[in-house]
Protein backbone atom coordinates (compact mmCIF):
# COMPACT_ATOMS: atom_id res chain seq x y z
CA MET A 1 -32.38 -146.49 143.49
CA SER A 2 -29.97 -147.60 146.21
CA PHE A 3 -30.22 -146.85 149.92
CA ALA A 4 -27.35 -144.34 149.61
CA ASP A 5 -29.10 -142.52 146.74
CA LEU A 6 -32.32 -142.32 148.72
CA LEU A 7 -30.54 -141.12 151.85
CA ALA A 8 -28.57 -138.49 149.88
CA SER A 9 -31.83 -136.75 149.01
CA PHE A 10 -32.24 -135.93 152.73
CA ILE A 11 -28.85 -134.22 153.29
CA GLY A 12 -29.26 -131.28 155.65
CA ARG A 13 -32.26 -132.73 157.44
CA THR A 14 -32.49 -134.08 160.98
CA VAL A 15 -32.39 -137.88 161.21
CA GLU A 16 -32.61 -140.57 163.86
CA ILE A 17 -30.35 -143.57 163.23
CA TYR A 18 -31.29 -146.80 164.98
CA PHE A 19 -28.90 -149.71 165.50
CA ALA A 20 -29.63 -153.28 166.52
CA MET A 21 -27.16 -153.27 169.43
CA ASN A 22 -26.18 -149.60 170.06
CA PRO A 23 -28.11 -146.52 171.24
CA LEU A 24 -29.65 -144.30 168.59
CA ILE A 25 -27.98 -141.24 167.11
CA VAL A 26 -29.92 -138.03 166.43
CA GLY A 27 -28.39 -135.30 164.29
CA GLN A 28 -28.17 -133.54 160.96
CA LEU A 29 -27.26 -135.64 157.93
CA MET A 30 -24.13 -134.08 156.43
CA SER A 31 -22.98 -136.38 153.60
CA VAL A 32 -23.59 -139.78 152.07
CA ASP A 33 -21.05 -142.07 150.42
CA GLY A 34 -21.64 -145.52 148.97
CA CYS A 35 -21.49 -147.42 152.27
CA THR A 36 -20.96 -144.70 154.89
CA PHE A 37 -22.59 -141.45 155.84
CA THR A 38 -21.80 -138.65 158.27
CA VAL A 39 -24.08 -137.07 160.84
CA GLN A 40 -23.40 -133.95 162.90
CA ILE A 41 -24.62 -134.47 166.45
CA ASN A 42 -24.74 -132.12 169.42
CA ASN A 43 -22.37 -133.20 172.13
CA THR A 44 -24.00 -133.92 175.48
CA TYR A 45 -21.78 -131.42 177.27
CA TYR A 46 -23.16 -127.91 177.62
CA TYR A 47 -20.32 -125.93 176.03
CA SER A 48 -18.96 -128.53 173.62
CA PRO A 49 -19.18 -127.94 169.87
CA PRO A 50 -21.10 -130.36 167.61
CA VAL A 51 -19.36 -133.61 166.69
CA THR A 52 -19.32 -135.28 163.26
CA VAL A 53 -19.93 -139.05 163.39
CA THR A 54 -19.31 -141.51 160.53
CA VAL A 55 -21.82 -144.35 160.32
CA VAL A 56 -21.39 -147.55 158.30
CA ALA A 57 -24.64 -148.28 156.47
CA ASP A 58 -24.45 -152.05 157.07
CA GLU A 59 -24.62 -151.54 160.86
CA ILE A 60 -27.92 -149.64 161.04
CA ALA A 61 -31.40 -151.09 161.55
CA PHE A 62 -33.28 -148.11 160.07
CA VAL A 63 -33.20 -144.35 159.61
CA ARG A 64 -36.07 -142.03 160.51
CA ILE A 65 -36.22 -138.60 158.86
CA ILE A 66 -37.40 -136.03 161.43
CA ALA A 67 -37.34 -132.62 159.77
């Protein structure tokens, strides 16, 4: 089982994505492709809609499944 296959089983759940050099991302896992996945995060502005972020799997340190 690959990392993408394992991560795909958690679609729809809240995840924390940790990077070696960048701040973490917290949001809902939306989709998983072979080497990328998308996460919907809440924007930090009060009235802004959620934002979808694409993450390259090679750039992450680890993923924590929250809920």
